[in-house]
Amino acid sequence: MDDINKHKPFAIVGYILPFLFFIPMLSDEGKKSQFAMFHANQQLLLLITWVAGLFFTIVFVGFLIHIFALVLTIIGIVNAANGSMKPLPIIGGIKLLHI
């Protein structure tokens, strides 16, 4: 529980600014935190989703991807604030970072 409370602020900020997903990897303590690394992985997936939305902005599907990414951002913030490690819907099961 102490690990969660210590890393919760960074997890929340990482959903607001997903390009900061790498912050837990800057310290040994962050790398060892399952909570921090779980949310870093989710944030990286969210960042990729936002970039995909930008790529497809030319067509209508880009708008839908951005709406989806916004919903995922809110879900991620709520999960991090509650100290939960629930994967994001649809993209959350993908592992890009070693946890």
PDB file of N, CA and C in Angstrom:
ATOM      1  N   MET A   1       0.822  -1.196   0.000  1.00  0.00           N
ATOM      2  CA  MET A   1       0.000   0.000   0.000  1.00  0.00           C
ATOM      3  C   MET A   1       0.867   1.262   0.000  1.00  0.00           C
ATOM      4  N   ASP A   2       2.000   1.207   0.690  1.00  0.00           N
ATOM      5  CA  ASP A   2       2.913   2.353   0.720  1.00  0.00           C
ATOM      6  C   ASP A   2       3.443   2.650  -0.682  1.00  0.00           C
ATOM      7  N   ASP A   3       3.728   1.577  -1.430  1.00  0.00           N
ATOM      8  CA  ASP A   3       4.199   1.729  -2.815  1.00  0.00           C
ATOM      9  C   ASP A   3       3.160   2.458  -3.654  1.00  0.00           C
ATOM     10  N   ILE A   4       1.903   2.091  -3.484  1.00  0.00           N
ATOM     11  CA  ILE A   4       0.824   2.712  -4.255  1.00  0.00           C
ATOM     12  C   ILE A   4       0.711   4.193  -3.901  1.00  0.00           C
ATOM     13  N   ASN A   5       0.691   4.498  -2.609  1.00  0.00           N
ATOM     14  CA  ASN A   5       0.558   5.894  -2.181  1.00  0.00           C
ATOM     15  C   ASN A   5       1.734   6.745  -2.644  1.00  0.00           C
ATOM     16  N   LYS A   6       2.919   6.153  -2.675  1.00  0.00           N
ATOM     17  CA  LYS A   6       4.115   6.886  -3.085  1.00  0.00           C
ATOM     18  C   LYS A   6       4.100   7.218  -4.579  1.00  0.00           C
ATOM     19  N   HIS A   7       3.592   6.306  -5.408  1.00  0.00           N
ATOM     20  CA  HIS A   7       3.632   6.470  -6.859  1.00  0.00           C
ATOM     21  C   HIS A   7       2.319   6.951  -7.471  1.00  0.00           C
ATOM     22  N   LYS A   8       1.279   7.088  -6.669  1.00  0.00           N
ATOM     23  CA  LYS A   8      -0.032   7.493  -7.175  1.00  0.00           C
ATOM     24  C   LYS A   8      -0.011   8.849  -7.893  1.00  0.00           C
ATOM     25  N   PRO A   9       0.629   9.887  -7.335  1.00  0.00           N
ATOM     26  CA  PRO A   9       0.627  11.182  -8.054  1.00  0.00           C
ATOM     27  C   PRO A   9       1.254  11.101  -9.442  1.00  0.00           C
ATOM     28  N   PHE A  10       2.359  10.362  -9.573  1.00  0.00           N
ATOM     29  CA  PHE A  10       3.006  10.229 -10.879  1.00  0.00           C
ATOM     30  C   PHE A  10       2.117   9.448 -11.846  1.00  0.00           C
ATOM     31  N   ALA A  11       1.397   8.453 -11.329  1.00  0.00           N
ATOM     32  CA  ALA A  11       0.504   7.666 -12.175  1.00  0.00           C
ATOM     33  C   ALA A  11      -0.623   8.545 -12.713  1.00  0.00           C
ATOM     34  N   ILE A  12      -1.182   9.386 -11.866  1.00  0.00           N
ATOM     35  CA  ILE A  12      -2.272  10.265 -12.296  1.00  0.00           C
ATOM     36  C   ILE A  12      -1.774  11.271 -13.335  1.00  0.00           C
ATOM     37  N   VAL A  13      -0.654  11.916 -13.064  1.00  0.00           N
ATOM     38  CA  VAL A  13      -0.096  12.905 -13.994  1.00  0.00           C
ATOM     39  C   VAL A  13       0.251  12.244 -15.325  1.00  0.00           C
ATOM     40  N   GLY A  14       0.713  11.007 -15.279  1.00  0.00           N
ATOM     41  CA  GLY A  14       1.064  10.286 -16.500  1.00  0.00           C
ATOM     42  C   GLY A  14      -0.114  10.050 -17.422  1.00  0.00           C
ATOM     43  N   TYR A  15      -1.315   9.977 -16.873  1.00  0.00           N
ATOM     44  CA  TYR A  15      -2.497   9.842 -17.736  1.00  0.00           C
ATOM     45  C   TYR A  15      -2.872  11.189 -18.341  1.00  0.00           C
ATOM     46  N   ILE A  16      -2.660  12.259 -17.588  1.00  0.00           N
ATOM     47  CA  ILE A  16      -2.966  13.584 -18.112  1.00  0.00           C
ATOM     48  C   ILE A  16      -1.967  13.962 -19.207  1.00  0.00           C
ATOM     49  N   LEU A  17      -0.699  13.619 -18.991  1.00  0.00           N
ATOM     50  CA  LEU A  17       0.371  13.861 -19.965  1.00  0.00           C
ATOM     51  C   LEU A  17       1.053  12.526 -20.262  1.00  0.00           C
ATOM     52  N   PRO A  18       0.448  11.679 -21.124  1.00  0.00           N
ATOM     53  CA  PRO A  18       0.962  10.322 -21.316  1.00  0.00           C
ATOM     54  C   PRO A  18       2.380  10.238 -21.879  1.00  0.00           C
ATOM     55  N   PHE A  19       2.891  11.333 -22.459  1.00  0.00           N
ATOM     56  CA  PHE A  19       4.267  11.283 -22.947  1.00  0.00           C
ATOM     57  C   PHE A  19       5.261  11.219 -21.784  1.00  0.00           C
ATOM     58  N   LEU A  20       4.793  11.330 -20.555  1.00  0.00           N
ATOM     59  CA  LEU A  20       5.653  11.195 -19.371  1.00  0.00           C
ATOM     60  C   LEU A  20       5.650   9.769 -18.823  1.00  0.00           C
ATOM     61  N   PHE A  21       5.213   8.805 -19.629  1.00  0.00           N
ATOM     62  CA  PHE A  21       5.129   7.420 -19.190  1.00  0.00           C
ATOM     63  C   PHE A  21       6.452   6.883 -18.651  1.00  0.00           C
ATOM     64  N   PHE A  22       7.564   7.426 -19.109  1.00  0.00           N
ATOM     65  CA  PHE A  22       8.889   6.909 -18.771  1.00  0.00           C
ATOM     66  C   PHE A  22       9.387   7.344 -17.388  1.00  0.00           C
ATOM     67  N   ILE A  23       8.711   8.250 -16.706  1.00  0.00           N
ATOM     68  CA  ILE A  23       9.173   8.793 -15.428  1.00  0.00           C
ATOM     69  C   ILE A  23       9.514   7.688 -14.411  1.00  0.00           C
ATOM     70  N   PRO A  24       8.676   6.650 -14.214  1.00  0.00           N
ATOM     71  CA  PRO A  24       9.040   5.606 -13.237  1.00  0.00           C
ATOM     72  C   PRO A  24      10.336   4.870 -13.590  1.00  0.00           C
ATOM     73  N   MET A  25      10.695   4.875 -14.852  1.00  0.00           N
ATOM     74  CA  MET A  25      11.895   4.138 -15.274  1.00  0.00           C
ATOM     75  C   MET A  25      13.180   4.909 -15.019  1.00  0.00           C
ATOM     76  N   LEU A  26      13.064   6.129 -14.517  1.00  0.00           N
ATOM     77  CA  LEU A  26      14.256   6.936 -14.249  1.00  0.00           C
ATOM     78  C   LEU A  26      14.920   6.597 -12.921  1.00  0.00           C
ATOM     79  N   SER A  27      14.207   5.885 -12.055  1.00  0.00           N
ATOM     80  CA  SER A  27      14.800   5.524 -10.764  1.00  0.00           C
ATOM     81  C   SER A  27      14.679   4.024 -10.537  1.00  0.00           C
ATOM     82  N   ASP A  28      15.596   3.483  -9.752  1.00  0.00           N
ATOM     83  CA  ASP A  28      15.534   2.055  -9.427  1.00  0.00           C
ATOM     84  C   ASP A  28      14.259   1.736  -8.662  1.00  0.00           C
ATOM     85  N   GLU A  29      13.868   2.656  -7.794  1.00  0.00           N
ATOM     86  CA  GLU A  29      12.653   2.454  -7.002  1.00  0.00           C
ATOM     87  C   GLU A  29      11.423   2.381  -7.905  1.00  0.00           C
ATOM     88  N   GLY A  30      11.361   3.264  -8.897  1.00  0.00           N
ATOM     89  CA  GLY A  30      10.244   3.255  -9.844  1.00  0.00           C
ATOM     90  C   GLY A  30      10.208   1.987 -10.670  1.00  0.00           C
ATOM     91  N   LYS A  31      11.377   1.518 -11.089  1.00  0.00           N
ATOM     92  CA  LYS A  31      11.453   0.286 -11.882  1.00  0.00           C
ATOM     93  C   LYS A  31      10.989  -0.923 -11.087  1.00  0.00           C
ATOM     94  N   LYS A  32      11.188  -0.903  -9.778  1.00  0.00           N
ATOM     95  CA  LYS A  32      10.812  -2.029  -8.918  1.00  0.00           C
ATOM     96  C   LYS A  32       9.348  -1.973  -8.499  1.00  0.00           C
ATOM     97  N   SER A  33       8.708  -0.836  -8.700  1.00  0.00           N
ATOM     98  CA  SER A  33       7.306  -0.678  -8.294  1.00  0.00           C
ATOM     99  C   SER A  33       6.388  -1.273  -9.346  1.00  0.00           C
ATOM    100  N   GLN A  34       5.658  -2.301  -8.947  1.00  0.00           N
ATOM    101  CA  GLN A  34       4.722  -2.931  -9.872  1.00  0.00           C
ATOM    102  C   GLN A  34       3.618  -1.949 -10.249  1.00  0.00           C
ATOM    103  N   PHE A  35       3.165  -1.159  -9.280  1.00  0.00           N
ATOM    104  CA  PHE A  35       2.104  -0.167  -9.526  1.00  0.00           C
ATOM    105  C   PHE A  35       2.578   0.877 -10.542  1.00  0.00           C
ATOM    106  N   ALA A  36       3.754   1.433 -10.323  1.00  0.00           N
ATOM    107  CA  ALA A  36       4.284   2.474 -11.218  1.00  0.00           C
ATOM    108  C   ALA A  36       4.516   1.935 -12.621  1.00  0.00           C
ATOM    109  N   MET A  37       5.097   0.761 -12.730  1.00  0.00           N
ATOM    110  CA  MET A  37       5.381   0.198 -14.045  1.00  0.00           C
ATOM    111  C   MET A  37       4.105  -0.238 -14.768  1.00  0.00           C
ATOM    112  N   PHE A  38       3.125  -0.737 -14.015  1.00  0.00           N
ATOM    113  CA  PHE A  38       1.840  -1.095 -14.629  1.00  0.00           C
ATOM    114  C   PHE A  38       1.225   0.134 -15.289  1.00  0.00           C
ATOM    115  N   HIS A  39       1.172   1.242 -14.540  1.00  0.00           N
ATOM    116  CA  HIS A  39       0.556   2.451 -15.080  1.00  0.00           C
ATOM    117  C   HIS A  39       1.418   3.088 -16.166  1.00  0.00           C
ATOM    118  N   ALA A  40       2.729   2.945 -16.098  1.00  0.00           N
ATOM    119  CA  ALA A  40       3.599   3.436 -17.169  1.00  0.00           C
ATOM    120  C   ALA A  40       3.282   2.702 -18.471  1.00  0.00           C
ATOM    121  N   ASN A  41       3.059   1.402 -18.394  1.00  0.00           N
ATOM    122  CA  ASN A  41       2.701   0.619 -19.582  1.00  0.00           C
ATOM    123  C   ASN A  41       1.355   1.079 -20.137  1.00  0.00           C
ATOM    124  N   GLN A  42       0.375   1.284 -19.251  1.00  0.00           N
ATOM    125  CA  GLN A  42      -0.943   1.738 -19.685  1.00  0.00           C
ATOM    126  C   GLN A  42      -0.845   3.115 -20.335  1.00  0.00           C
ATOM    127  N   GLN A  43      -0.004   3.975 -19.776  1.00  0.00           N
ATOM    128  CA  GLN A  43       0.170   5.324 -20.327  1.00  0.00           C
ATOM    129  C   GLN A  43       0.838   5.293 -21.693  1.00  0.00           C
ATOM    130  N   LEU A  44       1.784   4.404 -21.881  1.00  0.00           N
ATOM    131  CA  LEU A  44       2.422   4.258 -23.191  1.00  0.00           C
ATOM    132  C   LEU A  44       1.389   3.801 -24.229  1.00  0.00           C
ATOM    133  N   LEU A  45       0.550   2.851 -23.857  1.00  0.00           N
ATOM    134  CA  LEU A  45      -0.514   2.400 -24.761  1.00  0.00           C
ATOM    135  C   LEU A  45      -1.474   3.546 -25.085  1.00  0.00           C
ATOM    136  N   LEU A  46      -1.776   4.349 -24.088  1.00  0.00           N
ATOM    137  CA  LEU A  46      -2.649   5.499 -24.297  1.00  0.00           C
ATOM    138  C   LEU A  46      -1.999   6.518 -25.225  1.00  0.00           C
ATOM    139  N   LEU A  47      -0.705   6.754 -25.052  1.00  0.00           N
ATOM    140  CA  LEU A  47       0.025   7.668 -25.924  1.00  0.00           C
ATOM    141  C   LEU A  47      -0.030   7.182 -27.375  1.00  0.00           C
ATOM    142  N   ILE A  48       0.168   5.906 -27.584  1.00  0.00           N
ATOM    143  CA  ILE A  48       0.100   5.333 -28.930  1.00  0.00           C
ATOM    144  C   ILE A  48      -1.306   5.516 -29.514  1.00  0.00           C
ATOM    145  N   THR A  49      -2.328   5.370 -28.679  1.00  0.00           N
ATOM    146  CA  THR A  49      -3.704   5.568 -29.133  1.00  0.00           C
ATOM    147  C   THR A  49      -3.937   7.013 -29.556  1.00  0.00           C
ATOM    148  N   TRP A  50      -3.430   7.976 -28.755  1.00  0.00           N
ATOM    149  CA  TRP A  50      -3.561   9.392 -29.122  1.00  0.00           C
ATOM    150  C   TRP A  50      -2.847   9.679 -30.449  1.00  0.00           C
ATOM    151  N   VAL A  51      -1.654   9.127 -30.625  1.00  0.00           N
ATOM    152  CA  VAL A  51      -0.896   9.356 -31.861  1.00  0.00           C
ATOM    153  C   VAL A  51      -1.630   8.730 -33.055  1.00  0.00           C
ATOM    154  N   ALA A  52      -2.209   7.555 -32.854  1.00  0.00           N
ATOM    155  CA  ALA A  52      -2.988   6.926 -33.928  1.00  0.00           C
ATOM    156  C   ALA A  52      -4.164   7.819 -34.312  1.00  0.00           C
ATOM    157  N   GLY A  53      -4.785   8.447 -33.318  1.00  0.00           N
ATOM    158  CA  GLY A  53      -5.877   9.370 -33.597  1.00  0.00           C
ATOM    159  C   GLY A  53      -5.414  10.554 -34.421  1.00  0.00           C
ATOM    160  N   LEU A  54      -4.216  11.067 -34.122  1.00  0.00           N
ATOM    161  CA  LEU A  54      -3.665  12.177 -34.907  1.00  0.00           C
ATOM    162  C   LEU A  54      -3.387  11.744 -36.345  1.00  0.00           C
ATOM    163  N   PHE A  55      -2.874  10.525 -36.497  1.00  0.00           N
ATOM    164  CA  PHE A  55      -2.550   9.992 -37.816  1.00  0.00           C
ATOM    165  C   PHE A  55      -3.808   9.867 -38.672  1.00  0.00           C
ATOM    166  N   PHE A  56      -4.907   9.458 -38.040  1.00  0.00           N
ATOM    167  CA  PHE A  56      -6.146   9.237 -38.782  1.00  0.00           C
ATOM    168  C   PHE A  56      -7.095  10.432 -38.723  1.00  0.00           C
ATOM    169  N   THR A  57      -6.598  11.591 -38.315  1.00  0.00           N
ATOM    170  CA  THR A  57      -7.444  12.774 -38.195  1.00  0.00           C
ATOM    171  C   THR A  57      -8.029  13.198 -39.531  1.00  0.00           C
ATOM    172  N   ILE A  58      -7.370  12.877 -40.595  1.00  0.00           N
ATOM    173  CA  ILE A  58      -7.843  13.266 -41.927  1.00  0.00           C
ATOM    174  C   ILE A  58      -9.226  12.679 -42.200  1.00  0.00           C
ATOM    175  N   VAL A  59      -9.451  11.498 -41.706  1.00  0.00           N
ATOM    176  CA  VAL A  59     -10.756  10.865 -41.891  1.00  0.00           C
ATOM    177  C   VAL A  59     -11.518  10.909 -40.565  1.00  0.00           C
ATOM    178  N   PHE A  60     -12.784  10.591 -40.612  1.00  0.00           N
ATOM    179  CA  PHE A  60     -13.648  10.681 -39.435  1.00  0.00           C
ATOM    180  C   PHE A  60     -13.219   9.755 -38.312  1.00  0.00           C
ATOM    181  N   VAL A  61     -12.554   8.681 -38.649  1.00  0.00           N
ATOM    182  CA  VAL A  61     -12.168   7.702 -37.626  1.00  0.00           C
ATOM    183  C   VAL A  61     -11.194   8.309 -36.604  1.00  0.00           C
ATOM    184  N   GLY A  62     -10.420   9.304 -36.994  1.00  0.00           N
ATOM    185  CA  GLY A  62      -9.507   9.972 -36.066  1.00  0.00           C
ATOM    186  C   GLY A  62     -10.252  10.618 -34.913  1.00  0.00           C
ATOM    187  N   PHE A  63     -11.391  11.228 -35.210  1.00  0.00           N
ATOM    188  CA  PHE A  63     -12.235  11.834 -34.181  1.00  0.00           C
ATOM    189  C   PHE A  63     -12.703  10.770 -33.191  1.00  0.00           C
ATOM    190  N   LEU A  64     -13.129   9.635 -33.708  1.00  0.00           N
ATOM    191  CA  LEU A  64     -13.590   8.545 -32.841  1.00  0.00           C
ATOM    192  C   LEU A  64     -12.459   8.004 -31.973  1.00  0.00           C
ATOM    193  N   ILE A  65     -11.261   7.908 -32.536  1.00  0.00           N
ATOM    194  CA  ILE A  65     -10.106   7.430 -31.762  1.00  0.00           C
ATOM    195  C   ILE A  65      -9.793   8.424 -30.643  1.00  0.00           C
ATOM    196  N   HIS A  66      -9.904   9.715 -30.918  1.00  0.00           N
ATOM    197  CA  HIS A  66      -9.650  10.717 -29.875  1.00  0.00           C
ATOM    198  C   HIS A  66     -10.692  10.644 -28.765  1.00  0.00           C
ATOM    199  N   ILE A  67     -11.935  10.422 -29.109  1.00  0.00           N
ATOM    200  CA  ILE A  67     -12.986  10.256 -28.093  1.00  0.00           C
ATOM    201  C   ILE A  67     -12.680   9.026 -27.240  1.00  0.00           C
ATOM    202  N   PHE A  68     -12.296   7.934 -27.899  1.00  0.00           N
ATOM    203  CA  PHE A  68     -11.929   6.699 -27.208  1.00  0.00           C
ATOM    204  C   PHE A  68     -10.735   6.943 -26.279  1.00  0.00           C
ATOM    205  N   ALA A  69      -9.730   7.651 -26.753  1.00  0.00           N
ATOM    206  CA  ALA A  69      -8.550   7.938 -25.948  1.00  0.00           C
ATOM    207  C   ALA A  69      -8.899   8.824 -24.753  1.00  0.00           C
ATOM    208  N   LEU A  70      -9.804   9.759 -24.928  1.00  0.00           N
ATOM    209  CA  LEU A  70     -10.229  10.614 -23.820  1.00  0.00           C
ATOM    210  C   LEU A  70     -10.942   9.790 -22.742  1.00  0.00           C
ATOM    211  N   VAL A  71     -11.787   8.875 -23.164  1.00  0.00           N
ATOM    212  CA  VAL A  71     -12.465   7.991 -22.211  1.00  0.00           C
ATOM    213  C   VAL A  71     -11.438   7.132 -21.470  1.00  0.00           C
ATOM    214  N   LEU A  72     -10.459   6.600 -22.195  1.00  0.00           N
ATOM    215  CA  LEU A  72      -9.411   5.801 -21.558  1.00  0.00           C
ATOM    216  C   LEU A  72      -8.590   6.626 -20.578  1.00  0.00           C
ATOM    217  N   THR A  73      -8.348   7.890 -20.912  1.00  0.00           N
ATOM    218  CA  THR A  73      -7.612   8.783 -20.014  1.00  0.00           C
ATOM    219  C   THR A  73      -8.355   8.929 -18.691  1.00  0.00           C
ATOM    220  N   ILE A  74      -9.645   9.149 -18.768  1.00  0.00           N
ATOM    221  CA  ILE A  74     -10.455   9.308 -17.556  1.00  0.00           C
ATOM    222  C   ILE A  74     -10.463   8.020 -16.744  1.00  0.00           C
ATOM    223  N   ILE A  75     -10.622   6.889 -17.408  1.00  0.00           N
ATOM    224  CA  ILE A  75     -10.604   5.595 -16.716  1.00  0.00           C
ATOM    225  C   ILE A  75      -9.251   5.379 -16.041  1.00  0.00           C
ATOM    226  N   GLY A  76      -8.167   5.699 -16.740  1.00  0.00           N
ATOM    227  CA  GLY A  76      -6.825   5.536 -16.173  1.00  0.00           C
ATOM    228  C   GLY A  76      -6.604   6.407 -14.954  1.00  0.00           C
ATOM    229  N   ILE A  77      -7.063   7.658 -15.008  1.00  0.00           N
ATOM    230  CA  ILE A  77      -6.922   8.566 -13.867  1.00  0.00           C
ATOM    231  C   ILE A  77      -7.686   8.026 -12.665  1.00  0.00           C
ATOM    232  N   VAL A  78      -8.905   7.574 -12.890  1.00  0.00           N
ATOM    233  CA  VAL A  78      -9.720   7.031 -11.798  1.00  0.00           C
ATOM    234  C   VAL A  78      -9.054   5.785 -11.208  1.00  0.00           C
ATOM    235  N   ASN A  79      -8.567   4.896 -12.067  1.00  0.00           N
ATOM    236  CA  ASN A  79      -7.896   3.685 -11.571  1.00  0.00           C
ATOM    237  C   ASN A  79      -6.662   4.040 -10.752  1.00  0.00           C
ATOM    238  N   ALA A  80      -5.845   4.956 -11.245  1.00  0.00           N
ATOM    239  CA  ALA A  80      -4.631   5.339 -10.526  1.00  0.00           C
ATOM    240  C   ALA A  80      -4.970   6.021  -9.206  1.00  0.00           C
ATOM    241  N   ALA A  81      -5.966   6.894  -9.208  1.00  0.00           N
ATOM    242  CA  ALA A  81      -6.361   7.603  -7.991  1.00  0.00           C
ATOM    243  C   ALA A  81      -6.903   6.650  -6.936  1.00  0.00           C
ATOM    244  N   ASN A  82      -7.529   5.558  -7.375  1.00  0.00           N
ATOM    245  CA  ASN A  82      -8.058   4.560  -6.445  1.00  0.00           C
ATOM    246  C   ASN A  82      -7.016   3.518  -6.045  1.00  0.00           C
ATOM    247  N   GLY A  83      -5.802   3.630  -6.590  1.00  0.00           N
ATOM    248  CA  GLY A  83      -4.753   2.661  -6.281  1.00  0.00           C
ATOM    249  C   GLY A  83      -4.977   1.313  -6.934  1.00  0.00           C
ATOM    250  N   SER A  84      -5.740   1.301  -8.017  1.00  0.00           N
ATOM    251  CA  SER A  84      -6.095   0.068  -8.708  1.00  0.00           C
ATOM    252  C   SER A  84      -5.149  -0.197  -9.873  1.00  0.00           C
ATOM    253  N   MET A  85      -5.001  -1.461 -10.204  1.00  0.00           N
ATOM    254  CA  MET A  85      -4.178  -1.855 -11.350  1.00  0.00           C
ATOM    255  C   MET A  85      -5.055  -2.565 -12.384  1.00  0.00           C
ATOM    256  N   LYS A  86      -6.184  -1.962 -12.723  1.00  0.00           N
ATOM    257  CA  LYS A  86      -7.085  -2.524 -13.735  1.00  0.00           C
ATOM    258  C   LYS A  86      -6.604  -2.104 -15.116  1.00  0.00           C
ATOM    259  N   PRO A  87      -6.504  -3.045 -16.052  1.00  0.00           N
ATOM    260  CA  PRO A  87      -6.109  -2.683 -17.418  1.00  0.00           C
ATOM    261  C   PRO A  87      -7.178  -1.819 -18.085  1.00  0.00           C
ATOM    262  N   LEU A  88      -6.731  -0.936 -18.946  1.00  0.00           N
ATOM    263  CA  LEU A  88      -7.660  -0.117 -19.727  1.00  0.00           C
ATOM    264  C   LEU A  88      -8.436  -1.024 -20.685  1.00  0.00           C
ATOM    265  N   PRO A  89      -9.689  -0.673 -20.990  1.00  0.00           N
ATOM    266  CA  PRO A  89     -10.452  -1.481 -21.941  1.00  0.00           C
ATOM    267  C   PRO A  89      -9.767  -1.537 -23.313  1.00  0.00           C
ATOM    268  N   ILE A  90      -9.869  -2.650 -23.958  1.00  0.00           N
ATOM    269  CA  ILE A  90      -9.396  -2.956 -25.309  1.00  0.00           C
ATOM    270  C   ILE A  90      -7.864  -2.954 -25.424  1.00  0.00           C
ATOM    271  N   ILE A  91      -7.189  -1.874 -25.059  1.00  0.00           N
ATOM    272  CA  ILE A  91      -5.736  -1.809 -25.263  1.00  0.00           C
ATOM    273  C   ILE A  91      -4.947  -2.237 -24.030  1.00  0.00           C
ATOM    274  N   GLY A  92      -5.579  -2.318 -22.882  1.00  0.00           N
ATOM    275  CA  GLY A  92      -4.874  -2.527 -21.613  1.00  0.00           C
ATOM    276  C   GLY A  92      -4.155  -3.849 -21.454  1.00  0.00           C
ATOM    277  N   GLY A  93      -4.521  -4.852 -22.222  1.00  0.00           N
ATOM    278  CA  GLY A  93      -3.882  -6.154 -22.095  1.00  0.00           C
ATOM    279  C   GLY A  93      -2.541  -6.269 -22.801  1.00  0.00           C
ATOM    280  N   ILE A  94      -2.164  -5.258 -23.556  1.00  0.00           N
ATOM    281  CA  ILE A  94      -0.909  -5.278 -24.302  1.00  0.00           C
ATOM    282  C   ILE A  94       0.236  -4.896 -23.376  1.00  0.00           C
ATOM    283  N   LYS A  95       1.304  -5.673 -23.382  1.00  0.00           N
ATOM    284  CA  LYS A  95       2.474  -5.390 -22.547  1.00  0.00           C
ATOM    285  C   LYS A  95       3.616  -4.903 -23.423  1.00  0.00           C
ATOM    286  N   LEU A  96       3.975  -3.624 -23.286  1.00  0.00           N
ATOM    287  CA  LEU A  96       5.095  -3.064 -24.020  1.00  0.00           C
ATOM    288  C   LEU A  96       6.305  -2.858 -23.119  1.00  0.00           C
ATOM    289  N   LEU A  97       6.058  -2.676 -21.839  1.00  0.00           N
ATOM    290  CA  LEU A  97       7.129  -2.483 -20.857  1.00  0.00           C
ATOM    291  C   LEU A  97       7.239  -3.708 -19.973  1.00  0.00           C
ATOM    292  N   HIS A  98       8.449  -4.003 -19.555  1.00  0.00           N
ATOM    293  CA  HIS A  98       8.656  -5.138 -18.651  1.00  0.00           C
ATOM    294  C   HIS A  98       8.180  -4.749 -17.260  1.00  0.00           C
ATOM    295  N   ILE A  99       7.198  -5.493 -16.763  1.00  0.00           N
ATOM    296  CA  ILE A  99       6.628  -5.186 -15.446  1.00  0.00           C
ATOM    297  C   ILE A  99       7.043  -6.271 -14.476  1.00  0.00           C
TER     298      ILE A  99
END
